[in-house]
Amino acid sequence: MARACPGTPAPHWRRGLAMLAVMLVPEAAFASPSARKMEELCRPAAMAAEIDAELPQGVLLAIAHVESGRRDPASGATIPWPWTINAEGVPMVFNTREEAVAAVQELQGRNIRSIDVGCMQVNLQHHPDAFPSLRDAFDPSINARYAARFLARLRDSSGSWEAAIGRYHSATPGRSEAYRDRVLAAWSRTSPRSPVDIQRERVAMAWTQAQGDGGRPGQIAATPQERPRGSRDPVEQIAAFWQRRQPGGEASRRTPSSELPRTQLARGPSRPGRPQAPLDLRFSIR
């Protein structure tokens, strides 16, 4: 969530921070069992937060990979690292939360203010009231929940999930689009299902539930004509956006899995283990 700020540190500060960053966490640490435990902190925190905030399934985890992701040399996989900070554009990673908190305190003592923290890299300068304390800022669940609420507000103000993803990083044209594309690329690596399959599953589930309940009137409204005026299925909305950007793209073309995120901006499912409510396909885009 790096944001440009008026006060840029002098070049020697950047050199000093960069040298510190290289020495913080040895590469071997990412291949250790503790590194895998770190992944288990950011991942469930992001997934739970996006469900609670009714975000598109997988979007917050993709942002975490872009924001705090570090390569695991053993597996080659990207691991969102909870004890990550970015000070004025210089990324740093630490072995423990205590080390990360101490580093932020030291940087703030040097009057460095633009600092991103945690799994979701929330900027402390632009979000001064996000967390009760620095220790809370590095709590994966607290960090992810704030990021989820912020992304939801960006969606409400921008009118689309694509714009919201870009603005999570920057409101500057060009920078926001580049960041959005990075997130969508990360999303495609963690979301193997095609949007056509997702939409088909949703319609099939709603139809099955309607039949099981005796086909109560109003249980399912799967066609655009049946939906309330001015509403549209989020899957269809983003699919249409993506198809318009493809050379010679038709609305009926099946989207390859590699292009999945641009069409998968639909609300996430209920929390695993929680009974599913009957699915009504009449959506009102807020």
C-alpha atoms as a PDB file:
ATOM      1  CA  MET A   1       0.000   0.000   0.000  1.00  0.00           C
ATOM      2  CA  ALA A   2       2.904   2.306  -0.735  1.00  0.00           C
ATOM      3  CA  ARG A   3       1.822   5.909  -1.185  1.00  0.00           C
ATOM      4  CA  ALA A   4       3.901   8.821  -2.379  1.00  0.00           C
ATOM      5  CA  CYS A   5       4.493  11.406   0.314  1.00  0.00           C
ATOM      6  CA  PRO A   6       5.967  14.927   0.204  1.00  0.00           C
ATOM      7  CA  GLY A   7       9.005  14.194   2.386  1.00  0.00           C
ATOM      8  CA  THR A   8      11.502  11.997   0.509  1.00  0.00           C
ATOM      9  CA  PRO A   9      14.580  10.940   2.478  1.00  0.00           C
ATOM     10  CA  ALA A  10      18.023  12.019   1.404  1.00  0.00           C
ATOM     11  CA  PRO A  11      19.945   9.549  -0.806  1.00  0.00           C
ATOM     12  CA  HIS A  12      22.210   8.442   2.062  1.00  0.00           C
ATOM     13  CA  TRP A  13      19.133   7.413   4.038  1.00  0.00           C
ATOM     14  CA  ARG A  14      17.988   5.245   1.149  1.00  0.00           C
ATOM     15  CA  ARG A  15      21.438   3.661   0.842  1.00  0.00           C
ATOM     16  CA  GLY A  16      21.516   2.969   4.567  1.00  0.00           C
ATOM     17  CA  LEU A  17      18.048   1.447   4.561  1.00  0.00           C
ATOM     18  CA  ALA A  18      18.829  -0.662   1.516  1.00  0.00           C
ATOM     19  CA  MET A  19      21.991  -2.048   3.135  1.00  0.00           C
ATOM     20  CA  LEU A  20      20.024  -2.850   6.286  1.00  0.00           C
ATOM     21  CA  ALA A  21      17.305  -4.570   4.270  1.00  0.00           C
ATOM     22  CA  VAL A  22      19.743  -7.009   2.665  1.00  0.00           C
ATOM     23  CA  MET A  23      21.086  -8.137   6.029  1.00  0.00           C
ATOM     24  CA  LEU A  24      17.840  -8.623   7.927  1.00  0.00           C
ATOM     25  CA  VAL A  25      16.526 -12.086   7.053  1.00  0.00           C
ATOM     26  CA  PRO A  26      18.889 -14.651   5.506  1.00  0.00           C
ATOM     27  CA  GLU A  27      17.577 -16.513   2.461  1.00  0.00           C
ATOM     28  CA  ALA A  28      17.751 -19.799   4.344  1.00  0.00           C
ATOM     29  CA  ALA A  29      15.126 -18.522   6.754  1.00  0.00           C
ATOM     30  CA  PHE A  30      12.488 -18.603   4.017  1.00  0.00           C
ATOM     31  CA  ALA A  31      13.125 -22.307   3.436  1.00  0.00           C
ATOM     32  CA  SER A  32      12.766 -23.210   7.107  1.00  0.00           C
ATOM     33  CA  PRO A  33       9.649 -24.681   8.756  1.00  0.00           C
ATOM     34  CA  SER A  34       9.155 -21.339  10.506  1.00  0.00           C
ATOM     35  CA  ALA A  35       8.833 -19.677   7.098  1.00  0.00           C
ATOM     36  CA  ARG A  36       5.995 -22.009   6.237  1.00  0.00           C
ATOM     37  CA  LYS A  37       4.369 -21.094   9.550  1.00  0.00           C
ATOM     38  CA  MET A  38       4.615 -17.431   8.549  1.00  0.00           C
ATOM     39  CA  GLU A  39       2.695 -18.237   5.376  1.00  0.00           C
ATOM     40  CA  GLU A  40       0.065 -19.886   7.527  1.00  0.00           C
ATOM     41  CA  LEU A  41      -0.385 -16.565   9.356  1.00  0.00           C
ATOM     42  CA  CYS A  42      -0.999 -14.192   6.439  1.00  0.00           C
ATOM     43  CA  ARG A  43      -2.959 -16.592   4.256  1.00  0.00           C
ATOM     44  CA  PRO A  44      -5.807 -17.496   6.656  1.00  0.00           C
ATOM     45  CA  ALA A  45      -5.918 -13.923   7.943  1.00  0.00           C
ATOM     46  CA  ALA A  46      -6.438 -12.576   4.414  1.00  0.00           C
ATOM     47  CA  MET A  47      -8.984 -15.240   3.515  1.00  0.00           C
ATOM     48  CA  ALA A  48     -11.021 -14.695   6.685  1.00  0.00           C
ATOM     49  CA  ALA A  49     -10.933 -10.913   6.292  1.00  0.00           C
ATOM     50  CA  GLU A  50     -12.151 -10.985   2.689  1.00  0.00           C
ATOM     51  CA  ILE A  51     -15.052 -13.245   3.680  1.00  0.00           C
ATOM     52  CA  ASP A  52     -16.046 -11.006   6.583  1.00  0.00           C
ATOM     53  CA  ALA A  53     -15.876  -7.891   4.383  1.00  0.00           C
ATOM     54  CA  GLU A  54     -17.632  -9.664   1.465  1.00  0.00           C
ATOM     55  CA  LEU A  55     -14.734  -9.100  -0.920  1.00  0.00           C
ATOM     56  CA  PRO A  56     -14.185 -11.073  -4.134  1.00  0.00           C
ATOM     57  CA  GLN A  57     -12.783 -14.490  -3.294  1.00  0.00           C
ATOM     58  CA  GLY A  58      -8.985 -14.491  -3.376  1.00  0.00           C
ATOM     59  CA  VAL A  59      -8.437 -10.772  -3.972  1.00  0.00           C
ATOM     60  CA  LEU A  60      -7.011  -9.946  -0.536  1.00  0.00           C
ATOM     61  CA  LEU A  61      -4.663 -12.925  -0.614  1.00  0.00           C
ATOM     62  CA  ALA A  62      -3.423 -11.819  -4.044  1.00  0.00           C
ATOM     63  CA  ILE A  63      -2.763  -8.326  -2.667  1.00  0.00           C
ATOM     64  CA  ALA A  64      -0.866  -9.873   0.259  1.00  0.00           C
ATOM     65  CA  HIS A  65       1.357 -11.756  -2.185  1.00  0.00           C
ATOM     66  CA  VAL A  66       2.154  -8.527  -4.023  1.00  0.00           C
ATOM     67  CA  GLU A  67       2.590  -6.420  -0.891  1.00  0.00           C
ATOM     68  CA  SER A  68       4.589  -8.657   1.443  1.00  0.00           C
ATOM     69  CA  GLY A  69       5.364 -11.706  -0.680  1.00  0.00           C
ATOM     70  CA  ARG A  70       8.852 -13.195  -0.475  1.00  0.00           C
ATOM     71  CA  ARG A  71      10.192 -16.093  -2.523  1.00  0.00           C
ATOM     72  CA  ASP A  72      10.787 -19.367  -0.722  1.00  0.00           C
ATOM     73  CA  PRO A  73      14.043 -20.742  -2.247  1.00  0.00           C
ATOM     74  CA  ALA A  74      13.053 -24.313  -1.382  1.00  0.00           C
ATOM     75  CA  SER A  75       9.711 -24.357  -3.198  1.00  0.00           C
ATOM     76  CA  GLY A  76       9.924 -21.276  -5.405  1.00  0.00           C
ATOM     77  CA  ALA A  77       6.549 -20.200  -4.036  1.00  0.00           C
ATOM     78  CA  THR A  78       5.787 -16.675  -2.901  1.00  0.00           C
ATOM     79  CA  ILE A  79       5.100 -16.391   0.830  1.00  0.00           C
ATOM     80  CA  PRO A  80       3.289 -13.363   2.311  1.00  0.00           C
ATOM     81  CA  TRP A  81       5.556 -12.438   5.231  1.00  0.00           C
ATOM     82  CA  PRO A  82       3.868 -10.847   8.274  1.00  0.00           C
ATOM     83  CA  TRP A  83       6.973  -9.150   9.692  1.00  0.00           C
ATOM     84  CA  THR A  84       7.558  -7.009   6.603  1.00  0.00           C
ATOM     85  CA  ILE A  85       7.977  -3.239   6.452  1.00  0.00           C
ATOM     86  CA  ASN A  86       8.655  -0.806   3.626  1.00  0.00           C
ATOM     87  CA  ALA A  87      10.266   2.478   4.654  1.00  0.00           C
ATOM     88  CA  GLU A  88      10.139   5.185   1.984  1.00  0.00           C
ATOM     89  CA  GLY A  89      10.265   2.573  -0.781  1.00  0.00           C
ATOM     90  CA  VAL A  90      12.868   0.283   0.810  1.00  0.00           C
ATOM     91  CA  PRO A  91      11.475  -3.182   1.751  1.00  0.00           C
ATOM     92  CA  MET A  92      12.719  -4.962   4.882  1.00  0.00           C
ATOM     93  CA  VAL A  93      11.786  -8.297   6.416  1.00  0.00           C
ATOM     94  CA  PHE A  94      12.331  -9.587   9.948  1.00  0.00           C
ATOM     95  CA  ASN A  95      12.281 -12.907  11.760  1.00  0.00           C
ATOM     96  CA  THR A  96       9.874 -11.832  14.517  1.00  0.00           C
ATOM     97  CA  ARG A  97       7.150  -9.309  15.209  1.00  0.00           C
ATOM     98  CA  GLU A  98       9.235  -7.805  18.014  1.00  0.00           C
ATOM     99  CA  GLU A  99      12.097  -7.085  15.602  1.00  0.00           C
ATOM    100  CA  ALA A 100       9.712  -5.487  13.107  1.00  0.00           C
ATOM    101  CA  VAL A 101       8.117  -3.285  15.788  1.00  0.00           C
ATOM    102  CA  ALA A 102      11.540  -2.178  17.042  1.00  0.00           C
ATOM    103  CA  ALA A 103      12.626  -1.316  13.496  1.00  0.00           C
ATOM    104  CA  VAL A 104       9.551   0.849  12.911  1.00  0.00           C
ATOM    105  CA  GLN A 105      10.118   2.655  16.201  1.00  0.00           C
ATOM    106  CA  GLU A 106      13.723   3.345  15.217  1.00  0.00           C
ATOM    107  CA  LEU A 107      12.698   4.629  11.780  1.00  0.00           C
ATOM    108  CA  GLN A 108      10.058   6.891  13.299  1.00  0.00           C
ATOM    109  CA  GLY A 109      12.730   8.185  15.665  1.00  0.00           C
ATOM    110  CA  ARG A 110      14.662   9.230  12.566  1.00  0.00           C
ATOM    111  CA  ASN A 111      11.586  11.159  11.391  1.00  0.00           C
ATOM    112  CA  ILE A 112      10.815   8.645   8.634  1.00  0.00           C
ATOM    113  CA  ARG A 113       7.032   8.582   8.394  1.00  0.00           C
ATOM    114  CA  SER A 114       5.962   6.720   5.240  1.00  0.00           C
ATOM    115  CA  ILE A 115       6.176   3.138   6.496  1.00  0.00           C
ATOM    116  CA  ASP A 116       4.119   0.183   5.246  1.00  0.00           C
ATOM    117  CA  VAL A 117       3.629  -2.652   7.726  1.00  0.00           C
ATOM    118  CA  GLY A 118       2.425  -6.234   7.952  1.00  0.00           C
ATOM    119  CA  CYS A 119       0.885  -8.778   5.608  1.00  0.00           C
ATOM    120  CA  MET A 120      -1.094  -6.122   3.736  1.00  0.00           C
ATOM    121  CA  GLN A 121       1.525  -3.334   4.033  1.00  0.00           C
ATOM    122  CA  VAL A 122      -0.800  -0.717   5.502  1.00  0.00           C
ATOM    123  CA  ASN A 123       0.850   2.713   5.376  1.00  0.00           C
ATOM    124  CA  LEU A 124       1.124   4.232   8.854  1.00  0.00           C
ATOM    125  CA  GLN A 125       1.392   7.801   7.557  1.00  0.00           C
ATOM    126  CA  HIS A 126      -1.747   7.657   5.432  1.00  0.00           C
ATOM    127  CA  HIS A 127      -3.655   5.510   7.948  1.00  0.00           C
ATOM    128  CA  PRO A 128      -2.567   6.902  11.335  1.00  0.00           C
ATOM    129  CA  ASP A 129      -5.658   5.597  13.159  1.00  0.00           C
ATOM    130  CA  ALA A 130      -5.683   2.120  11.630  1.00  0.00           C
ATOM    131  CA  PHE A 131      -4.222   0.300  14.643  1.00  0.00           C
ATOM    132  CA  PRO A 132      -4.237   0.831  18.421  1.00  0.00           C
ATOM    133  CA  SER A 133      -0.504   0.040  18.588  1.00  0.00           C
ATOM    134  CA  LEU A 134       2.463  -0.989  16.455  1.00  0.00           C
ATOM    135  CA  ARG A 135       2.200  -4.497  17.826  1.00  0.00           C
ATOM    136  CA  ASP A 136      -1.415  -4.653  16.655  1.00  0.00           C
ATOM    137  CA  ALA A 137      -0.331  -3.341  13.257  1.00  0.00           C
ATOM    138  CA  PHE A 138       1.756  -6.484  12.783  1.00  0.00           C
ATOM    139  CA  ASP A 139      -1.013  -8.828  13.935  1.00  0.00           C
ATOM    140  CA  PRO A 140      -1.971 -10.636  10.679  1.00  0.00           C
ATOM    141  CA  SER A 141      -5.702 -10.730  11.465  1.00  0.00           C
ATOM    142  CA  ILE A 142      -5.942  -7.087  12.555  1.00  0.00           C
ATOM    143  CA  ASN A 143      -3.790  -5.971   9.620  1.00  0.00           C
ATOM    144  CA  ALA A 144      -5.850  -7.936   7.092  1.00  0.00           C
ATOM    145  CA  ARG A 145      -9.208  -6.823   8.511  1.00  0.00           C
ATOM    146  CA  TYR A 146      -8.256  -3.162   8.197  1.00  0.00           C
ATOM    147  CA  ALA A 147      -7.005  -3.701   4.641  1.00  0.00           C
ATOM    148  CA  ALA A 148     -10.257  -5.465   3.737  1.00  0.00           C
ATOM    149  CA  ARG A 149     -12.380  -2.589   5.053  1.00  0.00           C
ATOM    150  CA  PHE A 150     -10.189  -0.094   3.213  1.00  0.00           C
ATOM    151  CA  LEU A 151     -10.505  -2.015  -0.067  1.00  0.00           C
ATOM    152  CA  ALA A 152     -14.295  -2.174   0.367  1.00  0.00           C
ATOM    153  CA  ARG A 153     -14.411   1.611   0.846  1.00  0.00           C
ATOM    154  CA  LEU A 154     -12.321   2.065  -2.286  1.00  0.00           C
ATOM    155  CA  ARG A 155     -14.806  -0.113  -4.181  1.00  0.00           C
ATOM    156  CA  ASP A 156     -17.708   2.022  -2.975  1.00  0.00           C
ATOM    157  CA  SER A 157     -15.988   5.273  -3.939  1.00  0.00           C
ATOM    158  CA  SER A 158     -14.528   4.135  -7.270  1.00  0.00           C
ATOM    159  CA  GLY A 159     -17.462   2.077  -8.517  1.00  0.00           C
ATOM    160  CA  SER A 160     -15.471  -1.009  -9.551  1.00  0.00           C
ATOM    161  CA  TRP A 161     -13.244  -3.647  -8.028  1.00  0.00           C
ATOM    162  CA  GLU A 162     -10.580  -3.117 -10.693  1.00  0.00           C
ATOM    163  CA  ALA A 163     -10.261   0.557  -9.814  1.00  0.00           C
ATOM    164  CA  ALA A 164     -10.309  -0.267  -6.097  1.00  0.00           C
ATOM    165  CA  ILE A 165      -7.414  -2.715  -6.466  1.00  0.00           C
ATOM    166  CA  GLY A 166      -5.322  -0.094  -8.255  1.00  0.00           C
ATOM    167  CA  ARG A 167      -6.144   2.612  -5.726  1.00  0.00           C
ATOM    168  CA  TYR A 168      -5.152   0.361  -2.856  1.00  0.00           C
ATOM    169  CA  HIS A 169      -1.618   1.234  -3.942  1.00  0.00           C
ATOM    170  CA  SER A 170      -1.978   4.641  -5.578  1.00  0.00           C
ATOM    171  CA  ALA A 171      -4.563   7.020  -7.009  1.00  0.00           C
ATOM    172  CA  THR A 172      -2.067   8.159  -9.649  1.00  0.00           C
ATOM    173  CA  PRO A 173      -3.002   6.971 -13.168  1.00  0.00           C
ATOM    174  CA  GLY A 174      -0.367   4.644 -14.534  1.00  0.00           C
ATOM    175  CA  ARG A 175       0.865   3.573 -11.120  1.00  0.00           C
ATOM    176  CA  SER A 176      -2.557   2.291 -10.097  1.00  0.00           C
ATOM    177  CA  GLU A 177      -3.016   0.376 -13.359  1.00  0.00           C
ATOM    178  CA  ALA A 178       0.443  -1.202 -13.126  1.00  0.00           C
ATOM    179  CA  TYR A 179      -0.251  -2.295  -9.555  1.00  0.00           C
ATOM    180  CA  ARG A 180      -3.679  -3.636 -10.488  1.00  0.00           C
ATOM    181  CA  ASP A 181      -2.114  -5.786 -13.208  1.00  0.00           C
ATOM    182  CA  ARG A 182       0.414  -7.182 -10.724  1.00  0.00           C
ATOM    183  CA  VAL A 183      -2.382  -8.137  -8.335  1.00  0.00           C
ATOM    184  CA  LEU A 184      -4.434  -9.741 -11.100  1.00  0.00           C
ATOM    185  CA  ALA A 185      -1.384 -11.743 -12.188  1.00  0.00           C
ATOM    186  CA  ALA A 186      -0.862 -12.946  -8.609  1.00  0.00           C
ATOM    187  CA  TRP A 187      -4.563 -13.739  -8.393  1.00  0.00           C
ATOM    188  CA  SER A 188      -4.403 -15.933 -11.497  1.00  0.00           C
ATOM    189  CA  ARG A 189      -1.781 -18.106  -9.810  1.00  0.00           C
ATOM    190  CA  THR A 190      -4.043 -18.786  -6.822  1.00  0.00           C
ATOM    191  CA  SER A 191      -7.439 -19.046  -8.589  1.00  0.00           C
ATOM    192  CA  PRO A 192      -7.443 -22.013 -10.989  1.00  0.00           C
ATOM    193  CA  ARG A 193     -11.175 -22.027 -11.837  1.00  0.00           C
ATOM    194  CA  SER A 194     -12.422 -20.157 -14.878  1.00  0.00           C
ATOM    195  CA  PRO A 195     -15.092 -17.456 -14.426  1.00  0.00           C
ATOM    196  CA  VAL A 196     -17.444 -19.390 -16.678  1.00  0.00           C
ATOM    197  CA  ASP A 197     -17.220 -22.347 -14.304  1.00  0.00           C
ATOM    198  CA  ILE A 198     -17.791 -20.084 -11.306  1.00  0.00           C
ATOM    199  CA  GLN A 199     -20.899 -18.541 -12.841  1.00  0.00           C
ATOM    200  CA  ARG A 200     -22.215 -21.932 -13.933  1.00  0.00           C
ATOM    201  CA  GLU A 201     -21.736 -23.306 -10.410  1.00  0.00           C
ATOM    202  CA  ARG A 202     -23.610 -20.382  -8.894  1.00  0.00           C
ATOM    203  CA  VAL A 203     -26.570 -20.765 -11.247  1.00  0.00           C
ATOM    204  CA  ALA A 204     -26.630 -24.536 -10.739  1.00  0.00           C
ATOM    205  CA  MET A 205     -26.502 -24.155  -6.949  1.00  0.00           C
ATOM    206  CA  ALA A 206     -29.339 -21.640  -6.943  1.00  0.00           C
ATOM    207  CA  TRP A 207     -31.442 -23.809  -9.247  1.00  0.00           C
ATOM    208  CA  THR A 208     -30.829 -26.913  -7.135  1.00  0.00           C
ATOM    209  CA  GLN A 209     -31.742 -25.093  -3.941  1.00  0.00           C
ATOM    210  CA  ALA A 210     -34.862 -23.654  -5.531  1.00  0.00           C
ATOM    211  CA  GLN A 211     -35.965 -27.112  -6.676  1.00  0.00           C
ATOM    212  CA  GLY A 212     -35.201 -28.597  -3.270  1.00  0.00           C
ATOM    213  CA  ASP A 213     -37.382 -25.948  -1.652  1.00  0.00           C
ATOM    214  CA  GLY A 214     -40.230 -26.671  -4.033  1.00  0.00           C
ATOM    215  CA  GLY A 215     -39.265 -23.926  -6.443  1.00  0.00           C
ATOM    216  CA  ARG A 216     -40.605 -21.081  -4.349  1.00  0.00           C
ATOM    217  CA  PRO A 217     -41.373 -17.990  -6.457  1.00  0.00           C
ATOM    218  CA  GLY A 218     -38.658 -15.376  -6.202  1.00  0.00           C
ATOM    219  CA  GLN A 219     -36.015 -17.864  -5.050  1.00  0.00           C
ATOM    220  CA  ILE A 220     -33.968 -17.460  -8.237  1.00  0.00           C
ATOM    221  CA  ALA A 221     -33.743 -14.703 -10.795  1.00  0.00           C
ATOM    222  CA  ALA A 222     -30.991 -15.875 -13.107  1.00  0.00           C
ATOM    223  CA  THR A 223     -31.743 -13.809 -16.193  1.00  0.00           C
ATOM    224  CA  PRO A 224     -31.036 -10.081 -16.626  1.00  0.00           C
ATOM    225  CA  GLN A 225     -34.724  -9.457 -17.314  1.00  0.00           C
ATOM    226  CA  GLU A 226     -35.640 -10.836 -13.883  1.00  0.00           C
ATOM    227  CA  ARG A 227     -33.137  -8.725 -11.961  1.00  0.00           C
ATOM    228  CA  PRO A 228     -34.097  -5.384 -10.457  1.00  0.00           C
ATOM    229  CA  ARG A 229     -33.586  -2.437 -12.766  1.00  0.00           C
ATOM    230  CA  GLY A 230     -30.088  -1.003 -12.480  1.00  0.00           C
ATOM    231  CA  SER A 231     -28.543  -4.155 -10.973  1.00  0.00           C
ATOM    232  CA  ARG A 232     -26.075  -6.536 -12.581  1.00  0.00           C
ATOM    233  CA  ASP A 233     -24.238  -9.689 -11.601  1.00  0.00           C
ATOM    234  CA  PRO A 234     -20.662  -8.779 -10.581  1.00  0.00           C
ATOM    235  CA  VAL A 235     -19.309 -11.740 -12.559  1.00  0.00           C
ATOM    236  CA  GLU A 236     -21.035 -10.513 -15.707  1.00  0.00           C
ATOM    237  CA  GLN A 237     -19.932  -6.940 -15.061  1.00  0.00           C
ATOM    238  CA  ILE A 238     -16.240  -7.703 -14.839  1.00  0.00           C
ATOM    239  CA  ALA A 239     -16.413 -10.329 -17.590  1.00  0.00           C
ATOM    240  CA  ALA A 240     -17.873  -7.740 -19.954  1.00  0.00           C
ATOM    241  CA  PHE A 241     -15.138  -5.282 -18.992  1.00  0.00           C
ATOM    242  CA  TRP A 242     -12.441  -7.831 -19.720  1.00  0.00           C
ATOM    243  CA  GLN A 243     -13.968  -8.964 -23.021  1.00  0.00           C
ATOM    244  CA  ARG A 244     -14.140  -5.364 -24.263  1.00  0.00           C
ATOM    245  CA  ARG A 245     -10.380  -5.064 -23.740  1.00  0.00           C
ATOM    246  CA  GLN A 246      -9.545  -8.185 -25.772  1.00  0.00           C
ATOM    247  CA  PRO A 247      -8.882  -7.890 -29.539  1.00  0.00           C
ATOM    248  CA  GLY A 248     -11.896  -9.394 -31.282  1.00  0.00           C
ATOM    249  CA  GLY A 249     -13.299 -10.600 -27.965  1.00  0.00           C
ATOM    250  CA  GLU A 250     -16.898 -11.812 -27.889  1.00  0.00           C
ATOM    251  CA  ALA A 251     -18.994 -11.959 -24.750  1.00  0.00           C
ATOM    252  CA  SER A 252     -19.617 -15.669 -25.291  1.00  0.00           C
ATOM    253  CA  ARG A 253     -15.932 -16.633 -25.487  1.00  0.00           C
ATOM    254  CA  ARG A 254     -14.660 -18.826 -22.657  1.00  0.00           C
ATOM    255  CA  THR A 255     -11.998 -16.941 -20.745  1.00  0.00           C
ATOM    256  CA  PRO A 256      -8.680 -18.817 -20.285  1.00  0.00           C
ATOM    257  CA  SER A 257      -7.674 -19.594 -16.716  1.00  0.00           C
ATOM    258  CA  SER A 258      -4.702 -17.237 -17.038  1.00  0.00           C
ATOM    259  CA  GLU A 259      -7.164 -14.352 -17.439  1.00  0.00           C
ATOM    260  CA  LEU A 260      -9.350 -15.491 -14.570  1.00  0.00           C
ATOM    261  CA  PRO A 261      -8.925 -12.608 -12.091  1.00  0.00           C
ATOM    262  CA  ARG A 262     -10.341  -9.999 -14.453  1.00  0.00           C
ATOM    263  CA  THR A 263     -13.575 -11.963 -14.529  1.00  0.00           C
ATOM    264  CA  GLN A 264     -13.632 -13.381 -11.014  1.00  0.00           C
ATOM    265  CA  LEU A 265     -14.566 -10.231  -9.127  1.00  0.00           C
ATOM    266  CA  ALA A 266     -17.611 -11.758  -7.431  1.00  0.00           C
ATOM    267  CA  ARG A 267     -18.411 -11.985  -3.742  1.00  0.00           C
ATOM    268  CA  GLY A 268     -16.641 -14.768  -1.849  1.00  0.00           C
ATOM    269  CA  PRO A 269     -18.427 -17.821  -0.479  1.00  0.00           C
ATOM    270  CA  SER A 270     -19.547 -18.294   3.080  1.00  0.00           C
ATOM    271  CA  ARG A 271     -16.925 -19.270   5.634  1.00  0.00           C
ATOM    272  CA  PRO A 272     -15.987 -22.996   5.334  1.00  0.00           C
ATOM    273  CA  GLY A 273     -18.185 -25.035   7.651  1.00  0.00           C
ATOM    274  CA  ARG A 274     -20.895 -22.390   7.839  1.00  0.00           C
ATOM    275  CA  PRO A 275     -24.260 -23.496   6.350  1.00  0.00           C
ATOM    276  CA  GLN A 276     -24.852 -21.937   2.949  1.00  0.00           C
ATOM    277  CA  ALA A 277     -27.859 -19.641   2.661  1.00  0.00           C
ATOM    278  CA  PRO A 278     -30.080 -20.011  -0.430  1.00  0.00           C
ATOM    279  CA  LEU A 279     -28.362 -18.175  -3.250  1.00  0.00           C
ATOM    280  CA  ASP A 280     -30.334 -15.408  -4.922  1.00  0.00           C
ATOM    281  CA  LEU A 281     -28.740 -14.261  -8.163  1.00  0.00           C
ATOM    282  CA  ARG A 282     -30.355 -10.830  -8.041  1.00  0.00           C
ATOM    283  CA  PHE A 283     -27.481  -8.523  -7.215  1.00  0.00           C
ATOM    284  CA  SER A 284     -27.432  -4.823  -6.585  1.00  0.00           C
ATOM    285  CA  ILE A 285     -23.992  -3.398  -7.297  1.00  0.00           C
ATOM    286  CA  ARG A 286     -23.100  -0.888  -4.627  1.00  0.00           C
END
